[in-house]
Amino acid sequence: SPLVEAMLASALEVSRRLGGMEALYTRWIGWIVATNRSAGAAEHRIAYGTPSQFANFLIETLEVLSLKGDRHLAYARFCATGVALSRNTDTQRNLSIASYRSFDMLDLALEELPLNTPIFAPFIVECMALNFNIEHVLAGLPLNEAADDPSFLIWQQDADAIRLLSVSETLFDLIQACRPGPATLGDLMRDRLVTANEVPSKTLEVLSNAIDSRFIHVGVVP
């Protein structure tokens, strides 16, 4: 399965730390049997697992074997997120012609809106920050050779697909602040000023670009 192949690097690293592929296989069988039994699976399916379960197994094993900041653990979580979204997300959920119309250009500039204007990120289904350059890894570079510059990732629900996008740290933080519920324009500007010493004009610039890219939605308070 391509979903399992994506986790090959993490699986090989777990194998190396456990002492070989046999040790990895033995541990996986024990894990999946215990998981399936606790879920009441039929006996003839007791040793069968899904890509999502294999990803969770790798994460749990690496959490035991890893040190803080381990790239292999972070990468396993990245893969698990992709697997879970491909399996669980209904790409038609909450999408309608009306939803897209709500992204029309604002009649007012952001700086003219009331500070209690709600800011949403309704179509961002997941966010993740990594301590290495994931684009290098996705391009085929070994995990330990990827640059140390961090990656800020969002998964955006579109009409018929989920897009994985790399964004700036500022935009990532703003989107995170709008999930799962809305934040107000005033709160976002205040928080960026306090936590990042960012002037409100810079925050408004990033928010404006995010509106154009349909990462966020602005709801004007009557």
N, C-alpha and C. Protein backbone atom coordinates (compact mmCIF):
# COMPACT_ATOMS: atom_id res chain seq x y z
N SER A 1 0.84 -1.20 0.00
CA SER A 1 0.00 0.00 0.00
C SER A 1 0.88 1.25 0.00
N PRO A 2 0.56 2.26 -0.84
CA PRO A 2 1.32 3.51 -0.81
C PRO A 2 1.28 4.18 0.55
N LEU A 3 0.17 3.99 1.29
CA LEU A 3 0.07 4.59 2.61
C LEU A 3 1.10 4.00 3.57
N VAL A 4 1.33 2.69 3.45
CA VAL A 4 2.33 2.04 4.30
C VAL A 4 3.73 2.37 3.82
N GLU A 5 3.92 2.44 2.50
CA GLU A 5 5.24 2.77 1.96
C GLU A 5 5.71 4.13 2.45
N ALA A 6 4.78 5.06 2.66
CA ALA A 6 5.15 6.39 3.15
C ALA A 6 5.77 6.32 4.54
N MET A 7 5.46 5.25 5.28
CA MET A 7 5.98 5.11 6.64
C MET A 7 7.22 4.22 6.70
N LEU A 8 7.79 3.90 5.53
CA LEU A 8 8.93 2.98 5.49
C LEU A 8 10.10 3.48 6.32
N ALA A 9 10.42 4.77 6.20
CA ALA A 9 11.57 5.31 6.93
C ALA A 9 11.39 5.14 8.44
N SER A 10 10.19 5.41 8.93
CA SER A 10 9.92 5.25 10.37
C SER A 10 9.98 3.79 10.77
N ALA A 11 9.45 2.91 9.92
CA ALA A 11 9.47 1.47 10.24
C ALA A 11 10.90 0.95 10.29
N LEU A 12 11.72 1.37 9.35
CA LEU A 12 13.12 0.93 9.35
C LEU A 12 13.87 1.45 10.57
N GLU A 13 13.54 2.66 10.99
CA GLU A 13 14.19 3.20 12.17
C GLU A 13 13.77 2.44 13.43
N VAL A 14 12.49 2.11 13.54
CA VAL A 14 12.03 1.30 14.67
C VAL A 14 12.72 -0.06 14.64
N SER A 15 12.84 -0.66 13.47
CA SER A 15 13.52 -1.93 13.32
C SER A 15 14.97 -1.84 13.81
N ARG A 16 15.64 -0.77 13.43
CA ARG A 16 17.04 -0.59 13.84
C ARG A 16 17.15 -0.49 15.35
N ARG A 17 16.24 0.23 15.97
CA ARG A 17 16.32 0.45 17.42
C ARG A 17 15.91 -0.80 18.20
N LEU A 18 15.06 -1.62 17.59
CA LEU A 18 14.62 -2.85 18.27
C LEU A 18 15.58 -4.00 18.06
N GLY A 19 16.43 -3.90 17.03
CA GLY A 19 17.39 -4.97 16.78
C GLY A 19 17.14 -5.79 15.54
N GLY A 20 16.25 -5.33 14.66
CA GLY A 20 16.03 -6.04 13.41
C GLY A 20 14.56 -6.13 13.03
N MET A 21 14.35 -6.57 11.77
CA MET A 21 12.98 -6.65 11.25
C MET A 21 12.15 -7.70 11.99
N GLU A 22 12.78 -8.77 12.42
CA GLU A 22 12.03 -9.79 13.16
C GLU A 22 11.47 -9.23 14.45
N ALA A 23 12.29 -8.42 15.14
CA ALA A 23 11.82 -7.80 16.38
C ALA A 23 10.68 -6.82 16.10
N LEU A 24 10.80 -6.09 15.00
CA LEU A 24 9.72 -5.17 14.63
C LEU A 24 8.43 -5.94 14.35
N TYR A 25 8.53 -7.02 13.57
CA TYR A 25 7.35 -7.80 13.21
C TYR A 25 6.71 -8.42 14.46
N THR A 26 7.54 -8.97 15.33
CA THR A 26 7.02 -9.59 16.56
C THR A 26 6.28 -8.58 17.42
N ARG A 27 6.87 -7.39 17.53
CA ARG A 27 6.23 -6.35 18.35
C ARG A 27 4.92 -5.87 17.70
N TRP A 28 4.93 -5.74 16.38
CA TRP A 28 3.71 -5.31 15.67
C TRP A 28 2.60 -6.33 15.84
N ILE A 29 2.91 -7.61 15.69
CA ILE A 29 1.87 -8.64 15.83
C ILE A 29 1.29 -8.62 17.24
N GLY A 30 2.14 -8.49 18.24
CA GLY A 30 1.64 -8.41 19.61
C GLY A 30 0.75 -7.19 19.82
N TRP A 31 1.15 -6.08 19.23
CA TRP A 31 0.39 -4.83 19.38
C TRP A 31 -0.96 -4.93 18.68
N ILE A 32 -0.99 -5.42 17.45
CA ILE A 32 -2.24 -5.43 16.70
C ILE A 32 -3.21 -6.48 17.24
N VAL A 33 -2.68 -7.60 17.71
CA VAL A 33 -3.55 -8.60 18.32
C VAL A 33 -4.21 -8.05 19.57
N ALA A 34 -3.43 -7.40 20.42
CA ALA A 34 -3.99 -6.81 21.65
C ALA A 34 -5.01 -5.72 21.31
N THR A 35 -4.70 -4.90 20.31
CA THR A 35 -5.61 -3.82 19.91
C THR A 35 -6.91 -4.37 19.37
N ASN A 36 -6.82 -5.38 18.50
CA ASN A 36 -8.03 -5.95 17.90
C ASN A 36 -8.87 -6.69 18.93
N ARG A 37 -8.23 -7.40 19.83
CA ARG A 37 -8.98 -8.12 20.87
C ARG A 37 -9.74 -7.14 21.76
N SER A 38 -9.09 -6.04 22.11
CA SER A 38 -9.76 -5.06 22.97
C SER A 38 -10.93 -4.40 22.24
N ALA A 39 -10.87 -4.39 20.90
CA ALA A 39 -11.95 -3.80 20.11
C ALA A 39 -13.02 -4.82 19.74
N GLY A 40 -12.84 -6.08 20.15
CA GLY A 40 -13.83 -7.11 19.88
C GLY A 40 -13.82 -7.63 18.45
N ALA A 41 -12.65 -7.59 17.80
CA ALA A 41 -12.55 -8.07 16.42
C ALA A 41 -12.76 -9.57 16.35
N ALA A 42 -13.26 -10.05 15.20
CA ALA A 42 -13.43 -11.48 14.99
C ALA A 42 -12.07 -12.18 15.05
N GLU A 43 -12.06 -13.40 15.55
CA GLU A 43 -10.80 -14.11 15.78
C GLU A 43 -10.00 -14.29 14.50
N HIS A 44 -10.67 -14.51 13.38
CA HIS A 44 -9.94 -14.73 12.13
C HIS A 44 -9.34 -13.43 11.58
N ARG A 45 -9.71 -12.28 12.20
CA ARG A 45 -9.15 -10.99 11.79
C ARG A 45 -8.22 -10.41 12.85
N ILE A 46 -7.89 -11.21 13.84
CA ILE A 46 -7.22 -10.70 15.02
C ILE A 46 -5.82 -10.17 14.74
N ALA A 47 -5.15 -10.69 13.71
CA ALA A 47 -3.78 -10.25 13.41
C ALA A 47 -3.70 -9.34 12.19
N TYR A 48 -4.86 -8.86 11.73
CA TYR A 48 -4.89 -7.97 10.57
C TYR A 48 -4.94 -6.52 11.05
N GLY A 49 -4.17 -5.65 10.39
CA GLY A 49 -4.18 -4.25 10.76
C GLY A 49 -4.31 -3.34 9.54
N THR A 50 -4.71 -2.12 9.78
CA THR A 50 -4.86 -1.13 8.71
C THR A 50 -3.62 -0.24 8.67
N PRO A 51 -3.43 0.51 7.57
CA PRO A 51 -2.33 1.48 7.54
C PRO A 51 -2.39 2.46 8.71
N SER A 52 -3.60 2.89 9.07
CA SER A 52 -3.73 3.82 10.19
C SER A 52 -3.27 3.18 11.50
N GLN A 53 -3.61 1.93 11.71
CA GLN A 53 -3.17 1.23 12.92
C GLN A 53 -1.66 1.04 12.93
N PHE A 54 -1.08 0.74 11.77
CA PHE A 54 0.37 0.58 11.70
C PHE A 54 1.06 1.91 12.02
N ALA A 55 0.51 3.00 11.53
CA ALA A 55 1.07 4.31 11.84
C ALA A 55 1.02 4.58 13.34
N ASN A 56 -0.12 4.27 13.97
CA ASN A 56 -0.24 4.47 15.42
C ASN A 56 0.71 3.57 16.19
N PHE A 57 0.92 2.36 15.70
CA PHE A 57 1.89 1.45 16.33
C PHE A 57 3.29 2.05 16.28
N LEU A 58 3.68 2.58 15.14
CA LEU A 58 5.00 3.18 15.02
C LEU A 58 5.16 4.37 15.96
N ILE A 59 4.11 5.19 16.05
CA ILE A 59 4.17 6.35 16.94
C ILE A 59 4.34 5.91 18.39
N GLU A 60 3.51 4.96 18.84
CA GLU A 60 3.59 4.50 20.23
C GLU A 60 4.95 3.88 20.52
N THR A 61 5.49 3.12 19.57
CA THR A 61 6.79 2.49 19.79
C THR A 61 7.89 3.53 19.83
N LEU A 62 7.85 4.50 18.91
CA LEU A 62 8.87 5.55 18.90
C LEU A 62 8.77 6.44 20.13
N GLU A 63 7.58 6.63 20.66
CA GLU A 63 7.44 7.43 21.89
C GLU A 63 8.20 6.79 23.04
N VAL A 64 8.26 5.47 23.04
CA VAL A 64 9.00 4.75 24.08
C VAL A 64 10.51 4.79 23.81
N LEU A 65 10.88 4.69 22.54
CA LEU A 65 12.29 4.56 22.16
C LEU A 65 12.99 5.88 21.87
N SER A 66 12.25 6.98 21.78
CA SER A 66 12.81 8.23 21.26
C SER A 66 13.21 9.20 22.36
N LEU A 67 14.08 10.10 21.96
CA LEU A 67 14.42 11.25 22.77
C LEU A 67 13.58 12.44 22.30
N LYS A 68 13.54 13.49 23.11
CA LYS A 68 12.77 14.67 22.75
C LYS A 68 13.28 15.26 21.44
N GLY A 69 12.35 15.64 20.57
CA GLY A 69 12.73 16.25 19.31
C GLY A 69 13.14 15.27 18.23
N ASP A 70 12.87 13.99 18.42
CA ASP A 70 13.26 12.97 17.45
C ASP A 70 12.54 13.18 16.13
N ARG A 71 13.30 13.28 15.04
CA ARG A 71 12.70 13.49 13.72
C ARG A 71 11.84 12.30 13.30
N HIS A 72 12.26 11.12 13.64
CA HIS A 72 11.52 9.94 13.20
C HIS A 72 10.14 9.89 13.84
N LEU A 73 10.04 10.30 15.10
CA LEU A 73 8.74 10.36 15.75
C LEU A 73 7.87 11.44 15.10
N ALA A 74 8.45 12.60 14.84
CA ALA A 74 7.69 13.67 14.19
C ALA A 74 7.22 13.25 12.80
N TYR A 75 8.10 12.56 12.06
CA TYR A 75 7.73 12.13 10.71
C TYR A 75 6.63 11.07 10.76
N ALA A 76 6.70 10.17 11.75
CA ALA A 76 5.65 9.16 11.90
C ALA A 76 4.31 9.82 12.18
N ARG A 77 4.31 10.86 12.98
CA ARG A 77 3.06 11.58 13.26
C ARG A 77 2.55 12.28 11.99
N PHE A 78 3.46 12.81 11.20
CA PHE A 78 3.08 13.43 9.93
C PHE A 78 2.41 12.40 9.02
N CYS A 79 3.00 11.23 8.89
CA CYS A 79 2.42 10.17 8.05
C CYS A 79 1.07 9.73 8.59
N ALA A 80 0.98 9.57 9.91
CA ALA A 80 -0.27 9.13 10.52
C ALA A 80 -1.39 10.13 10.27
N THR A 81 -1.07 11.40 10.30
CA THR A 81 -2.08 12.43 10.02
C THR A 81 -2.59 12.30 8.60
N GLY A 82 -1.68 12.11 7.64
CA GLY A 82 -2.09 11.94 6.26
C GLY A 82 -2.96 10.72 6.06
N VAL A 83 -2.58 9.62 6.71
CA VAL A 83 -3.37 8.38 6.61
C VAL A 83 -4.76 8.59 7.20
N ALA A 84 -4.82 9.20 8.38
CA ALA A 84 -6.11 9.40 9.04
C ALA A 84 -7.02 10.31 8.22
N LEU A 85 -6.48 11.36 7.64
CA LEU A 85 -7.31 12.27 6.85
C LEU A 85 -7.80 11.62 5.57
N SER A 86 -6.95 10.80 4.96
CA SER A 86 -7.36 10.13 3.73
C SER A 86 -8.48 9.12 4.01
N ARG A 87 -8.53 8.62 5.23
CA ARG A 87 -9.54 7.62 5.57
C ARG A 87 -10.81 8.23 6.14
N ASN A 88 -10.66 9.29 6.94
CA ASN A 88 -11.78 9.75 7.75
C ASN A 88 -12.48 11.00 7.25
N THR A 89 -11.80 11.84 6.48
CA THR A 89 -12.38 13.14 6.15
C THR A 89 -13.35 13.03 4.98
N ASP A 90 -14.54 13.52 5.20
CA ASP A 90 -15.53 13.62 4.13
C ASP A 90 -15.31 14.95 3.43
N THR A 91 -14.76 14.92 2.22
CA THR A 91 -14.40 16.16 1.54
C THR A 91 -15.60 16.99 1.15
N GLN A 92 -16.80 16.41 1.21
CA GLN A 92 -17.99 17.19 0.89
C GLN A 92 -18.60 17.86 2.12
N ARG A 93 -18.11 17.51 3.32
CA ARG A 93 -18.70 18.04 4.53
C ARG A 93 -18.51 19.55 4.61
N ASN A 94 -19.60 20.25 4.91
CA ASN A 94 -19.60 21.69 5.11
C ASN A 94 -19.25 22.49 3.86
N LEU A 95 -19.24 21.85 2.70
CA LEU A 95 -18.93 22.56 1.47
C LEU A 95 -20.20 22.79 0.67
N SER A 96 -20.40 24.01 0.24
CA SER A 96 -21.57 24.33 -0.56
C SER A 96 -21.26 25.57 -1.38
N ILE A 97 -22.13 25.87 -2.34
CA ILE A 97 -21.95 27.11 -3.10
C ILE A 97 -21.99 28.30 -2.15
N ALA A 98 -22.86 28.24 -1.17
CA ALA A 98 -22.96 29.34 -0.21
C ALA A 98 -21.65 29.50 0.56
N SER A 99 -21.01 28.37 0.91
CA SER A 99 -19.75 28.44 1.63
C SER A 99 -18.71 29.19 0.82
N TYR A 100 -18.62 28.89 -0.46
CA TYR A 100 -17.63 29.55 -1.29
C TYR A 100 -17.96 31.02 -1.49
N ARG A 101 -19.25 31.36 -1.58
CA ARG A 101 -19.61 32.76 -1.72
C ARG A 101 -19.18 33.56 -0.49
N SER A 102 -19.12 32.91 0.65
CA SER A 102 -18.73 33.62 1.86
C SER A 102 -17.29 34.10 1.81
N PHE A 103 -16.53 33.62 0.83
CA PHE A 103 -15.15 34.05 0.69
C PHE A 103 -14.99 35.23 -0.27
N ASP A 104 -16.08 35.80 -0.74
CA ASP A 104 -15.98 36.95 -1.64
C ASP A 104 -15.18 38.06 -0.96
N MET A 105 -14.57 38.91 -1.77
CA MET A 105 -13.76 39.99 -1.24
C MET A 105 -14.59 40.88 -0.31
N LEU A 106 -13.96 41.33 0.77
CA LEU A 106 -14.64 42.18 1.73
C LEU A 106 -14.93 43.55 1.12
N ASP A 107 -16.05 44.13 1.49
CA ASP A 107 -16.36 45.48 1.05
C ASP A 107 -15.50 46.50 1.80
N LEU A 108 -15.05 46.11 2.99
CA LEU A 108 -14.22 47.00 3.81
C LEU A 108 -12.83 46.39 3.95
N ALA A 109 -11.83 47.24 4.08
CA ALA A 109 -10.49 46.76 4.40
C ALA A 109 -10.49 46.23 5.83
N LEU A 110 -9.59 45.30 6.12
CA LEU A 110 -9.56 44.70 7.46
C LEU A 110 -9.41 45.76 8.54
N GLU A 111 -8.60 46.77 8.29
CA GLU A 111 -8.37 47.79 9.32
C GLU A 111 -9.62 48.62 9.59
N GLU A 112 -10.62 48.53 8.72
CA GLU A 112 -11.86 49.26 8.92
C GLU A 112 -12.91 48.44 9.66
N LEU A 113 -12.64 47.17 9.90
CA LEU A 113 -13.61 46.30 10.55
C LEU A 113 -13.56 46.46 12.06
N PRO A 114 -14.67 46.20 12.75
CA PRO A 114 -14.68 46.25 14.22
C PRO A 114 -13.71 45.22 14.80
N LEU A 115 -13.15 45.52 15.96
CA LEU A 115 -12.19 44.60 16.59
C LEU A 115 -12.86 43.30 17.04
N ASN A 116 -14.19 43.31 17.20
CA ASN A 116 -14.88 42.07 17.60
C ASN A 116 -15.32 41.23 16.40
N THR A 117 -14.81 41.55 15.20
CA THR A 117 -15.12 40.75 14.01
C THR A 117 -14.56 39.33 14.18
N PRO A 118 -15.39 38.29 14.02
CA PRO A 118 -14.89 36.92 14.17
C PRO A 118 -14.08 36.47 12.96
N ILE A 119 -13.01 35.75 13.24
CA ILE A 119 -12.13 35.19 12.20
C ILE A 119 -12.17 33.67 12.34
N PHE A 120 -12.51 32.97 11.26
CA PHE A 120 -12.63 31.51 11.27
C PHE A 120 -11.57 30.88 10.36
N ALA A 121 -11.32 29.61 10.59
CA ALA A 121 -10.52 28.81 9.65
C ALA A 121 -11.30 27.52 9.38
N PRO A 122 -12.46 27.62 8.71
CA PRO A 122 -13.40 26.50 8.64
C PRO A 122 -12.95 25.33 7.77
N PHE A 123 -12.06 25.57 6.83
CA PHE A 123 -11.67 24.51 5.90
C PHE A 123 -10.26 24.00 6.15
N ILE A 124 -9.67 24.37 7.28
CA ILE A 124 -8.37 23.81 7.67
C ILE A 124 -8.66 22.63 8.60
N VAL A 125 -8.39 21.43 8.11
CA VAL A 125 -8.78 20.24 8.88
C VAL A 125 -7.69 19.76 9.83
N GLU A 126 -6.44 20.20 9.60
CA GLU A 126 -5.36 19.80 10.51
C GLU A 126 -4.18 20.73 10.33
N CYS A 127 -3.39 20.89 11.37
CA CYS A 127 -2.16 21.69 11.35
C CYS A 127 -1.05 20.90 12.04
N MET A 128 0.18 21.14 11.62
CA MET A 128 1.31 20.45 12.25
C MET A 128 2.59 21.24 12.02
N ALA A 129 3.39 21.39 13.07
CA ALA A 129 4.70 22.01 12.96
C ALA A 129 5.77 20.93 13.15
N LEU A 130 6.77 20.92 12.27
CA LEU A 130 7.86 19.96 12.33
C LEU A 130 9.18 20.70 12.50
N ASN A 131 10.16 20.06 13.13
CA ASN A 131 11.43 20.73 13.39
C ASN A 131 12.47 20.46 12.30
N PHE A 132 12.01 20.12 11.10
CA PHE A 132 12.89 19.91 9.96
C PHE A 132 12.12 20.23 8.68
N ASN A 133 12.83 20.31 7.57
CA ASN A 133 12.21 20.67 6.30
C ASN A 133 11.57 19.45 5.66
N ILE A 134 10.26 19.34 5.77
CA ILE A 134 9.54 18.17 5.25
C ILE A 134 9.58 18.14 3.73
N GLU A 135 9.72 19.29 3.08
CA GLU A 135 9.76 19.30 1.62
C GLU A 135 10.99 18.56 1.11
N HIS A 136 12.09 18.63 1.84
CA HIS A 136 13.28 17.87 1.46
C HIS A 136 13.01 16.37 1.52
N VAL A 137 12.30 15.95 2.55
CA VAL A 137 12.00 14.52 2.72
C VAL A 137 11.05 14.05 1.63
N LEU A 138 10.02 14.84 1.35
CA LEU A 138 9.05 14.46 0.32
C LEU A 138 9.68 14.44 -1.06
N ALA A 139 10.77 15.17 -1.22
CA ALA A 139 11.49 15.17 -2.49
C ALA A 139 12.47 14.00 -2.61
N GLY A 140 12.58 13.19 -1.54
CA GLY A 140 13.41 12.00 -1.60
C GLY A 140 14.68 12.04 -0.78
N LEU A 141 14.94 13.14 -0.09
CA LEU A 141 16.14 13.23 0.74
C LEU A 141 15.95 12.41 2.01
N PRO A 142 16.98 11.65 2.44
CA PRO A 142 16.86 10.91 3.71
C PRO A 142 16.50 11.84 4.86
N LEU A 143 15.74 11.32 5.79
CA LEU A 143 15.22 12.13 6.89
C LEU A 143 16.34 12.83 7.66
N ASN A 144 17.44 12.12 7.90
CA ASN A 144 18.52 12.72 8.69
C ASN A 144 19.34 13.74 7.91
N GLU A 145 19.07 13.89 6.61
CA GLU A 145 19.78 14.87 5.80
C GLU A 145 18.93 16.10 5.49
N ALA A 146 17.69 16.09 5.89
CA ALA A 146 16.82 17.25 5.66
C ALA A 146 17.31 18.43 6.50
N ALA A 147 17.16 19.62 5.96
CA ALA A 147 17.61 20.82 6.66
C ALA A 147 16.85 21.00 7.97
N ASP A 148 17.49 21.73 8.89
CA ASP A 148 16.91 21.93 10.21
C ASP A 148 15.82 22.99 10.23
N ASP A 149 15.64 23.75 9.15
CA ASP A 149 14.63 24.80 9.18
C ASP A 149 13.25 24.17 9.33
N PRO A 150 12.43 24.71 10.23
CA PRO A 150 11.14 24.08 10.55
C PRO A 150 10.13 24.19 9.42
N SER A 151 9.15 23.30 9.47
CA SER A 151 8.04 23.30 8.51
C SER A 151 6.74 23.56 9.26
N PHE A 152 5.91 24.40 8.69
CA PHE A 152 4.60 24.72 9.26
C PHE A 152 3.56 24.31 8.22
N LEU A 153 2.79 23.27 8.55
CA LEU A 153 1.93 22.61 7.57
C LEU A 153 0.46 22.75 7.93
N ILE A 154 -0.35 22.88 6.89
CA ILE A 154 -1.80 22.85 7.06
C ILE A 154 -2.38 21.91 6.02
N TRP A 155 -3.47 21.24 6.38
CA TRP A 155 -4.24 20.43 5.46
C TRP A 155 -5.55 21.18 5.22
N GLN A 156 -5.77 21.59 3.98
CA GLN A 156 -6.93 22.41 3.62
C GLN A 156 -7.95 21.57 2.86
N GLN A 157 -9.18 21.57 3.34
CA GLN A 157 -10.27 20.84 2.69
C GLN A 157 -10.78 21.66 1.52
N ASP A 158 -10.75 21.05 0.34
CA ASP A 158 -11.23 21.71 -0.86
C ASP A 158 -12.49 20.99 -1.33
N ALA A 159 -13.00 21.36 -2.49
CA ALA A 159 -14.26 20.80 -2.96
C ALA A 159 -14.17 19.30 -3.16
N ASP A 160 -13.06 18.78 -3.65
CA ASP A 160 -12.96 17.36 -3.94
C ASP A 160 -11.65 16.74 -3.49
N ALA A 161 -10.91 17.43 -2.63
CA ALA A 161 -9.61 16.90 -2.19
C ALA A 161 -9.18 17.62 -0.92
N ILE A 162 -8.12 17.08 -0.32
CA ILE A 162 -7.47 17.74 0.81
C ILE A 162 -6.06 18.09 0.37
N ARG A 163 -5.71 19.37 0.50
CA ARG A 163 -4.41 19.84 0.06
C ARG A 163 -3.48 20.01 1.25
N LEU A 164 -2.25 19.53 1.11
CA LEU A 164 -1.21 19.74 2.11
C LEU A 164 -0.39 20.94 1.66
N LEU A 165 -0.28 21.95 2.53
CA LEU A 165 0.40 23.19 2.18
C LEU A 165 1.38 23.58 3.27
N SER A 166 2.50 24.14 2.84
CA SER A 166 3.48 24.71 3.75
C SER A 166 3.26 26.21 3.82
N VAL A 167 3.16 26.76 5.03
CA VAL A 167 2.86 28.18 5.21
C VAL A 167 3.90 28.81 6.14
N SER A 168 3.84 30.12 6.25
CA SER A 168 4.76 30.83 7.14
C SER A 168 4.38 30.57 8.60
N GLU A 169 5.34 30.80 9.49
CA GLU A 169 5.07 30.60 10.91
C GLU A 169 3.98 31.55 11.40
N THR A 170 3.98 32.78 10.90
CA THR A 170 2.97 33.75 11.31
C THR A 170 1.57 33.29 10.92
N LEU A 171 1.41 32.88 9.66
CA LEU A 171 0.11 32.41 9.21
C LEU A 171 -0.31 31.16 9.96
N PHE A 172 0.63 30.26 10.21
CA PHE A 172 0.35 29.04 10.96
C PHE A 172 -0.20 29.39 12.34
N ASP A 173 0.45 30.31 13.03
CA ASP A 173 0.01 30.69 14.37
C ASP A 173 -1.38 31.32 14.34
N LEU A 174 -1.66 32.14 13.33
CA LEU A 174 -2.97 32.77 13.22
C LEU A 174 -4.06 31.75 12.95
N ILE A 175 -3.77 30.79 12.06
CA ILE A 175 -4.75 29.75 11.77
C ILE A 175 -5.01 28.90 13.02
N GLN A 176 -3.94 28.57 13.73
CA GLN A 176 -4.10 27.79 14.97
C GLN A 176 -4.99 28.52 15.96
N ALA A 177 -4.84 29.84 16.02
CA ALA A 177 -5.64 30.62 16.97
C ALA A 177 -7.11 30.65 16.60
N CYS A 178 -7.43 30.35 15.33
CA CYS A 178 -8.82 30.35 14.87
C CYS A 178 -9.44 28.97 14.89
N ARG A 179 -8.73 27.98 15.40
CA ARG A 179 -9.26 26.62 15.45
C ARG A 179 -9.27 26.16 16.90
N PRO A 180 -10.35 25.40 17.30
CA PRO A 180 -11.48 24.94 16.48
C PRO A 180 -12.58 25.98 16.33
N GLY A 181 -12.58 27.00 17.20
CA GLY A 181 -13.61 28.02 17.10
C GLY A 181 -13.01 29.33 16.64
N PRO A 182 -13.86 30.36 16.44
CA PRO A 182 -13.35 31.63 15.93
C PRO A 182 -12.59 32.43 16.98
N ALA A 183 -11.73 33.32 16.50
CA ALA A 183 -11.10 34.33 17.33
C ALA A 183 -11.54 35.68 16.79
N THR A 184 -11.41 36.71 17.57
CA THR A 184 -11.77 38.04 17.07
C THR A 184 -10.54 38.72 16.49
N LEU A 185 -10.80 39.67 15.60
CA LEU A 185 -9.72 40.42 14.97
C LEU A 185 -8.86 41.11 16.03
N GLY A 186 -9.50 41.70 17.02
CA GLY A 186 -8.77 42.38 18.09
C GLY A 186 -7.89 41.43 18.89
N ASP A 187 -8.42 40.25 19.21
CA ASP A 187 -7.64 39.26 19.97
C ASP A 187 -6.41 38.81 19.19
N LEU A 188 -6.57 38.59 17.90
CA LEU A 188 -5.45 38.15 17.08
C LEU A 188 -4.35 39.21 17.04
N MET A 189 -4.72 40.46 16.85
CA MET A 189 -3.71 41.52 16.80
C MET A 189 -3.03 41.69 18.16
N ARG A 190 -3.81 41.63 19.24
CA ARG A 190 -3.22 41.75 20.57
C ARG A 190 -2.26 40.61 20.87
N ASP A 191 -2.69 39.37 20.57
CA ASP A 191 -1.85 38.21 20.88
C ASP A 191 -0.55 38.23 20.08
N ARG A 192 -0.63 38.64 18.80
CA ARG A 192 0.60 38.72 17.99
C ARG A 192 1.53 39.80 18.51
N LEU A 193 0.98 40.89 19.01
CA LEU A 193 1.80 41.96 19.56
C LEU A 193 2.50 41.50 20.83
N VAL A 194 1.77 40.74 21.68
CA VAL A 194 2.33 40.29 22.97
C VAL A 194 3.32 39.15 22.78
N THR A 195 2.95 38.15 21.96
CA THR A 195 3.77 36.94 21.86
C THR A 195 4.90 37.05 20.84
N ALA A 196 4.70 37.87 19.80
CA ALA A 196 5.71 37.94 18.73
C ALA A 196 6.20 39.36 18.48
N ASN A 197 5.75 40.31 19.29
CA ASN A 197 6.14 41.72 19.11
C ASN A 197 5.84 42.18 17.69
N GLU A 198 4.71 41.71 17.16
CA GLU A 198 4.34 42.00 15.78
C GLU A 198 3.37 43.17 15.75
N VAL A 199 3.68 44.17 14.95
CA VAL A 199 2.81 45.35 14.88
C VAL A 199 1.51 44.96 14.19
N PRO A 200 0.38 45.60 14.58
CA PRO A 200 -0.91 45.23 14.00
C PRO A 200 -0.96 45.30 12.48
N SER A 201 -0.24 46.23 11.88
CA SER A 201 -0.27 46.34 10.41
C SER A 201 0.27 45.08 9.75
N LYS A 202 1.27 44.45 10.35
CA LYS A 202 1.82 43.20 9.81
C LYS A 202 0.80 42.08 9.95
N THR A 203 0.14 42.00 11.10
CA THR A 203 -0.90 40.97 11.30
C THR A 203 -2.01 41.14 10.28
N LEU A 204 -2.43 42.36 10.05
CA LEU A 204 -3.50 42.61 9.08
C LEU A 204 -3.07 42.23 7.67
N GLU A 205 -1.80 42.45 7.34
CA GLU A 205 -1.29 42.08 6.02
C GLU A 205 -1.36 40.57 5.82
N VAL A 206 -0.92 39.82 6.83
CA VAL A 206 -0.95 38.36 6.74
C VAL A 206 -2.39 37.86 6.66
N LEU A 207 -3.27 38.43 7.45
CA LEU A 207 -4.68 38.02 7.42
C LEU A 207 -5.30 38.31 6.06
N SER A 208 -4.97 39.45 5.46
CA SER A 208 -5.51 39.79 4.14
C SER A 208 -5.09 38.76 3.10
N ASN A 209 -3.82 38.38 3.13
CA ASN A 209 -3.33 37.36 2.19
C ASN A 209 -4.00 36.01 2.44
N ALA A 210 -4.28 35.72 3.71
CA ALA A 210 -4.93 34.44 4.05
C ALA A 210 -6.37 34.41 3.54
N ILE A 211 -7.02 35.55 3.55
CA ILE A 211 -8.38 35.63 2.99
C ILE A 211 -8.34 35.37 1.49
N ASP A 212 -7.38 35.99 0.81
CA ASP A 212 -7.25 35.79 -0.63
C ASP A 212 -6.99 34.33 -0.98
N SER A 213 -6.28 33.62 -0.10
CA SER A 213 -5.95 32.21 -0.33
C SER A 213 -7.01 31.26 0.22
N ARG A 214 -8.07 31.83 0.81
CA ARG A 214 -9.17 31.05 1.39
C ARG A 214 -8.74 30.17 2.55
N PHE A 215 -7.73 30.60 3.26
CA PHE A 215 -7.32 29.88 4.47
C PHE A 215 -8.22 30.26 5.64
N ILE A 216 -8.69 31.49 5.64
CA ILE A 216 -9.55 31.95 6.73
C ILE A 216 -10.78 32.63 6.15
N HIS A 217 -11.78 32.79 6.99
CA HIS A 217 -13.05 33.43 6.63
C HIS A 217 -13.33 34.51 7.66
N VAL A 218 -13.72 35.67 7.18
CA VAL A 218 -14.05 36.79 8.06
C VAL A 218 -15.55 36.95 8.08
N GLY A 219 -16.13 36.92 9.28
CA GLY A 219 -17.55 37.16 9.44
C GLY A 219 -17.78 38.52 10.03
N VAL A 220 -18.44 39.39 9.31
CA VAL A 220 -18.65 40.76 9.76
C VAL A 220 -19.79 40.78 10.77
N VAL A 221 -19.53 41.34 11.94
CA VAL A 221 -20.55 41.44 12.98
C VAL A 221 -21.50 42.56 12.65
N PRO A 222 -22.82 42.31 12.64
CA PRO A 222 -23.79 43.37 12.30
C PRO A 222 -23.71 44.52 13.31
